[in-house]
Amino acid sequence: MPEEHFYTSALATATFLKEQAAGCSAFVIGEADLLNALYDVGITMNDVNPDYVVVGEG
């Protein structure tokens, strides 16, 4: 199956946060796919006073 047929929890989280507050920041504990999904929708990584904390360990 082509990649665009998959919708992961990382993509769902990124979409949700983008809809809540586009351009927000997040402190993220997770793997590269989660970080990439958040980055791709414009969420910046920040460990000092972030807007959100995202934990995604599998």
PDB file of N, CA and C in Angstrom:
ATOM      1  N   MET A   1       0.835  -1.187   0.000  1.00  0.00           N
ATOM      2  CA  MET A   1       0.000   0.000   0.000  1.00  0.00           C
ATOM      3  C   MET A   1       0.880   1.250   0.000  1.00  0.00           C
ATOM      4  N   PRO A   2       0.453   2.274  -0.702  1.00  0.00           N
ATOM      5  CA  PRO A   2       1.206   3.540  -0.695  1.00  0.00           C
ATOM      6  C   PRO A   2       1.160   4.207   0.683  1.00  0.00           C
ATOM      7  N   GLU A   3       2.189   4.952   0.961  1.00  0.00           N
ATOM      8  CA  GLU A   3       2.327   5.623   2.256  1.00  0.00           C
ATOM      9  C   GLU A   3       1.122   6.497   2.604  1.00  0.00           C
ATOM     10  N   GLU A   4       0.541   7.157   1.618  1.00  0.00           N
ATOM     11  CA  GLU A   4      -0.568   8.078   1.899  1.00  0.00           C
ATOM     12  C   GLU A   4      -1.844   7.371   2.349  1.00  0.00           C
ATOM     13  N   HIS A   5      -1.865   6.052   2.352  1.00  0.00           N
ATOM     14  CA  HIS A   5      -3.021   5.294   2.834  1.00  0.00           C
ATOM     15  C   HIS A   5      -2.968   5.046   4.336  1.00  0.00           C
ATOM     16  N   PHE A   6      -1.870   5.420   4.974  1.00  0.00           N
ATOM     17  CA  PHE A   6      -1.724   5.206   6.410  1.00  0.00           C
ATOM     18  C   PHE A   6      -1.960   6.503   7.170  1.00  0.00           C
ATOM     19  N   TYR A   7      -2.659   6.394   8.296  1.00  0.00           N
ATOM     20  CA  TYR A   7      -2.892   7.541   9.174  1.00  0.00           C
ATOM     21  C   TYR A   7      -2.522   7.094  10.579  1.00  0.00           C
ATOM     22  N   THR A   8      -1.392   7.562  11.064  1.00  0.00           N
ATOM     23  CA  THR A   8      -0.850   7.101  12.341  1.00  0.00           C
ATOM     24  C   THR A   8      -1.303   7.991  13.491  1.00  0.00           C
ATOM     25  N   SER A   9      -1.041   7.528  14.700  1.00  0.00           N
ATOM     26  CA  SER A   9      -1.350   8.333  15.881  1.00  0.00           C
ATOM     27  C   SER A   9      -0.513   9.609  15.899  1.00  0.00           C
ATOM     28  N   ALA A  10       0.700   9.556  15.350  1.00  0.00           N
ATOM     29  CA  ALA A  10       1.539  10.758  15.264  1.00  0.00           C
ATOM     30  C   ALA A  10       0.890  11.796  14.354  1.00  0.00           C
ATOM     31  N   LEU A  11       0.379  11.358  13.210  1.00  0.00           N
ATOM     32  CA  LEU A  11      -0.303  12.281  12.292  1.00  0.00           C
ATOM     33  C   LEU A  11      -1.573  12.836  12.918  1.00  0.00           C
ATOM     34  N   ALA A  12      -2.319  11.996  13.624  1.00  0.00           N
ATOM     35  CA  ALA A  12      -3.552  12.454  14.281  1.00  0.00           C
ATOM     36  C   ALA A  12      -3.245  13.491  15.357  1.00  0.00           C
ATOM     37  N   THR A  13      -2.208  13.259  16.119  1.00  0.00           N
ATOM     38  CA  THR A  13      -1.806  14.214  17.158  1.00  0.00           C
ATOM     39  C   THR A  13      -1.390  15.540  16.552  1.00  0.00           C
ATOM     40  N   ALA A  14      -0.599  15.494  15.497  1.00  0.00           N
ATOM     41  CA  ALA A  14      -0.151  16.717  14.832  1.00  0.00           C
ATOM     42  C   ALA A  14      -1.327  17.500  14.269  1.00  0.00           C
ATOM     43  N   THR A  15      -2.249  16.815  13.640  1.00  0.00           N
ATOM     44  CA  THR A  15      -3.433  17.473  13.084  1.00  0.00           C
ATOM     45  C   THR A  15      -4.272  18.098  14.186  1.00  0.00           C
ATOM     46  N   PHE A  16      -4.471  17.367  15.278  1.00  0.00           N
ATOM     47  CA  PHE A  16      -5.261  17.881  16.401  1.00  0.00           C
ATOM     48  C   PHE A  16      -4.646  19.152  16.981  1.00  0.00           C
ATOM     49  N   LEU A  17      -3.343  19.120  17.255  1.00  0.00           N
ATOM     50  CA  LEU A  17      -2.692  20.301  17.831  1.00  0.00           C
ATOM     51  C   LEU A  17      -2.709  21.477  16.870  1.00  0.00           C
ATOM     52  N   LYS A  18      -2.523  21.227  15.598  1.00  0.00           N
ATOM     53  CA  LYS A  18      -2.581  22.302  14.605  1.00  0.00           C
ATOM     54  C   LYS A  18      -3.955  22.949  14.596  1.00  0.00           C
ATOM     55  N   GLU A  19      -5.013  22.141  14.721  1.00  0.00           N
ATOM     56  CA  GLU A  19      -6.377  22.684  14.739  1.00  0.00           C
ATOM     57  C   GLU A  19      -6.668  23.434  16.035  1.00  0.00           C
ATOM     58  N   GLN A  20      -6.043  23.032  17.142  1.00  0.00           N
ATOM     59  CA  GLN A  20      -6.241  23.701  18.423  1.00  0.00           C
ATOM     60  C   GLN A  20      -5.547  25.058  18.473  1.00  0.00           C
ATOM     61  N   ALA A  21      -4.309  25.083  18.011  1.00  0.00           N
ATOM     62  CA  ALA A  21      -3.508  26.310  18.102  1.00  0.00           C
ATOM     63  C   ALA A  21      -2.372  26.251  17.090  1.00  0.00           C
ATOM     64  N   ALA A  22      -2.658  26.647  15.879  1.00  0.00           N
ATOM     65  CA  ALA A  22      -1.639  26.617  14.823  1.00  0.00           C
ATOM     66  C   ALA A  22      -0.406  27.402  15.251  1.00  0.00           C
ATOM     67  N   GLY A  23       0.763  26.841  14.980  1.00  0.00           N
ATOM     68  CA  GLY A  23       2.011  27.516  15.328  1.00  0.00           C
ATOM     69  C   GLY A  23       2.386  27.423  16.793  1.00  0.00           C
ATOM     70  N   CYS A  24       1.737  26.522  17.531  1.00  0.00           N
ATOM     71  CA  CYS A  24       2.031  26.381  18.955  1.00  0.00           C
ATOM     72  C   CYS A  24       3.380  25.687  19.160  1.00  0.00           C
ATOM     73  N   SER A  25       3.755  25.546  20.421  1.00  0.00           N
ATOM     74  CA  SER A  25       4.985  24.832  20.752  1.00  0.00           C
ATOM     75  C   SER A  25       4.636  23.631  21.621  1.00  0.00           C
ATOM     76  N   ALA A  26       5.540  22.657  21.636  1.00  0.00           N
ATOM     77  CA  ALA A  26       5.298  21.451  22.417  1.00  0.00           C
ATOM     78  C   ALA A  26       6.602  20.891  22.958  1.00  0.00           C
ATOM     79  N   PHE A  27       6.521  20.347  24.161  1.00  0.00           N
ATOM     80  CA  PHE A  27       7.592  19.539  24.715  1.00  0.00           C
ATOM     81  C   PHE A  27       7.222  18.112  24.366  1.00  0.00           C
ATOM     82  N   VAL A  28       8.083  17.426  23.632  1.00  0.00           N
ATOM     83  CA  VAL A  28       7.728  16.126  23.069  1.00  0.00           C
ATOM     84  C   VAL A  28       8.640  15.029  23.595  1.00  0.00           C
ATOM     85  N   ILE A  29       8.016  13.965  24.102  1.00  0.00           N
ATOM     86  CA  ILE A  29       8.725  12.745  24.459  1.00  0.00           C
ATOM     87  C   ILE A  29       8.208  11.686  23.497  1.00  0.00           C
ATOM     88  N   GLY A  30       9.038  11.305  22.557  1.00  0.00           N
ATOM     89  CA  GLY A  30       8.598  10.348  21.560  1.00  0.00           C
ATOM     90  C   GLY A  30       9.679  10.114  20.529  1.00  0.00           C
ATOM     91  N   GLU A  31       9.325   9.330  19.544  1.00  0.00           N
ATOM     92  CA  GLU A  31      10.288   8.954  18.529  1.00  0.00           C
ATOM     93  C   GLU A  31      10.251   9.907  17.341  1.00  0.00           C
ATOM     94  N   ALA A  32      11.153   9.695  16.408  1.00  0.00           N
ATOM     95  CA  ALA A  32      11.359  10.611  15.281  1.00  0.00           C
ATOM     96  C   ALA A  32      10.095  10.825  14.456  1.00  0.00           C
ATOM     97  N   ASP A  33       9.297   9.796  14.249  1.00  0.00           N
ATOM     98  CA  ASP A  33       8.080   9.956  13.445  1.00  0.00           C
ATOM     99  C   ASP A  33       7.124  10.970  14.062  1.00  0.00           C
ATOM    100  N   LEU A  34       7.014  10.967  15.392  1.00  0.00           N
ATOM    101  CA  LEU A  34       6.158  11.940  16.075  1.00  0.00           C
ATOM    102  C   LEU A  34       6.733  13.343  15.928  1.00  0.00           C
ATOM    103  N   LEU A  35       8.017  13.484  16.151  1.00  0.00           N
ATOM    104  CA  LEU A  35       8.660  14.790  16.004  1.00  0.00           C
ATOM    105  C   LEU A  35       8.501  15.326  14.586  1.00  0.00           C
ATOM    106  N   ASN A  36       8.693  14.470  13.597  1.00  0.00           N
ATOM    107  CA  ASN A  36       8.555  14.882  12.203  1.00  0.00           C
ATOM    108  C   ASN A  36       7.130  15.298  11.866  1.00  0.00           C
ATOM    109  N   ALA A  37       6.153  14.559  12.352  1.00  0.00           N
ATOM    110  CA  ALA A  37       4.751  14.888  12.077  1.00  0.00           C
ATOM    111  C   ALA A  37       4.392  16.254  12.664  1.00  0.00           C
ATOM    112  N   LEU A  38       4.858  16.526  13.871  1.00  0.00           N
ATOM    113  CA  LEU A  38       4.584  17.822  14.503  1.00  0.00           C
ATOM    114  C   LEU A  38       5.296  18.947  13.749  1.00  0.00           C
ATOM    115  N   TYR A  39       6.545  18.722  13.409  1.00  0.00           N
ATOM    116  CA  TYR A  39       7.330  19.718  12.667  1.00  0.00           C
ATOM    117  C   TYR A  39       6.676  20.028  11.324  1.00  0.00           C
ATOM    118  N   ASP A  40       6.189  19.001  10.647  1.00  0.00           N
ATOM    119  CA  ASP A  40       5.594  19.175   9.312  1.00  0.00           C
ATOM    120  C   ASP A  40       4.352  20.067   9.319  1.00  0.00           C
ATOM    121  N   VAL A  41       3.666  20.179  10.464  1.00  0.00           N
ATOM    122  CA  VAL A  41       2.481  21.047  10.530  1.00  0.00           C
ATOM    123  C   VAL A  41       2.789  22.375  11.228  1.00  0.00           C
ATOM    124  N   GLY A  42       4.083  22.640  11.481  1.00  0.00           N
ATOM    125  CA  GLY A  42       4.475  23.946  12.000  1.00  0.00           C
ATOM    126  C   GLY A  42       4.539  24.071  13.507  1.00  0.00           C
ATOM    127  N   ILE A  43       4.551  22.955  14.210  1.00  0.00           N
ATOM    128  CA  ILE A  43       4.663  23.000  15.669  1.00  0.00           C
ATOM    129  C   ILE A  43       6.139  22.989  16.031  1.00  0.00           C
ATOM    130  N   THR A  44       6.552  23.929  16.862  1.00  0.00           N
ATOM    131  CA  THR A  44       7.952  24.010  17.267  1.00  0.00           C
ATOM    132  C   THR A  44       8.164  23.232  18.559  1.00  0.00           C
ATOM    133  N   MET A  45       9.370  22.698  18.706  1.00  0.00           N
ATOM    134  CA  MET A  45       9.727  21.949  19.909  1.00  0.00           C
ATOM    135  C   MET A  45      10.324  22.926  20.926  1.00  0.00           C
ATOM    136  N   ASN A  46       9.848  22.815  22.155  1.00  0.00           N
ATOM    137  CA  ASN A  46      10.259  23.754  23.186  1.00  0.00           C
ATOM    138  C   ASN A  46      10.170  23.053  24.537  1.00  0.00           C
ATOM    139  N   ASP A  47      11.244  23.060  25.310  1.00  0.00           N
ATOM    140  CA  ASP A  47      11.192  22.442  26.632  1.00  0.00           C
ATOM    141  C   ASP A  47      11.087  23.473  27.760  1.00  0.00           C
ATOM    142  N   VAL A  48      10.910  24.734  27.406  1.00  0.00           N
ATOM    143  CA  VAL A  48      10.725  25.789  28.400  1.00  0.00           C
ATOM    144  C   VAL A  48       9.384  26.466  28.136  1.00  0.00           C
ATOM    145  N   ASN A  49       8.436  26.237  29.008  1.00  0.00           N
ATOM    146  CA  ASN A  49       7.106  26.842  28.917  1.00  0.00           C
ATOM    147  C   ASN A  49       6.394  26.545  27.585  1.00  0.00           C
ATOM    148  N   PRO A  50       6.287  25.264  27.215  1.00  0.00           N
ATOM    149  CA  PRO A  50       5.601  24.928  25.960  1.00  0.00           C
ATOM    150  C   PRO A  50       4.089  25.081  26.107  1.00  0.00           C
ATOM    151  N   ASP A  51       3.406  25.189  24.978  1.00  0.00           N
ATOM    152  CA  ASP A  51       1.947  25.244  24.997  1.00  0.00           C
ATOM    153  C   ASP A  51       1.344  23.882  25.325  1.00  0.00           C
ATOM    154  N   TYR A  52       2.009  22.814  24.878  1.00  0.00           N
ATOM    155  CA  TYR A  52       1.523  21.447  25.078  1.00  0.00           C
ATOM    156  C   TYR A  52       2.672  20.521  25.448  1.00  0.00           C
ATOM    157  N   VAL A  53       2.342  19.441  26.112  1.00  0.00           N
ATOM    158  CA  VAL A  53       3.286  18.347  26.357  1.00  0.00           C
ATOM    159  C   VAL A  53       2.714  17.121  25.658  1.00  0.00           C
ATOM    160  N   VAL A  54       3.525  16.497  24.811  1.00  0.00           N
ATOM    161  CA  VAL A  54       3.084  15.345  24.037  1.00  0.00           C
ATOM    162  C   VAL A  54       3.975  14.161  24.376  1.00  0.00           C
ATOM    163  N   VAL A  55       3.343  13.062  24.797  1.00  0.00           N
ATOM    164  CA  VAL A  55       4.074  11.839  25.110  1.00  0.00           C
ATOM    165  C   VAL A  55       3.579  10.759  24.174  1.00  0.00           C
ATOM    166  N   GLY A  56       4.495  10.183  23.409  1.00  0.00           N
ATOM    167  CA  GLY A  56       4.125   9.148  22.466  1.00  0.00           C
ATOM    168  C   GLY A  56       5.187   8.080  22.386  1.00  0.00           C
ATOM    169  N   GLU A  57       5.155   7.143  23.302  1.00  0.00           N
ATOM    170  CA  GLU A  57       6.114   6.054  23.305  1.00  0.00           C
ATOM    171  C   GLU A  57       5.405   4.767  22.959  1.00  0.00           C
ATOM    172  N   GLY A  58       6.020   3.986  22.096  1.00  0.00           N
ATOM    173  CA  GLY A  58       5.389   2.737  21.685  1.00  0.00           C
ATOM    174  C   GLY A  58       6.046   1.526  22.252  1.00  0.00           C
TER     175      GLY A  58
END
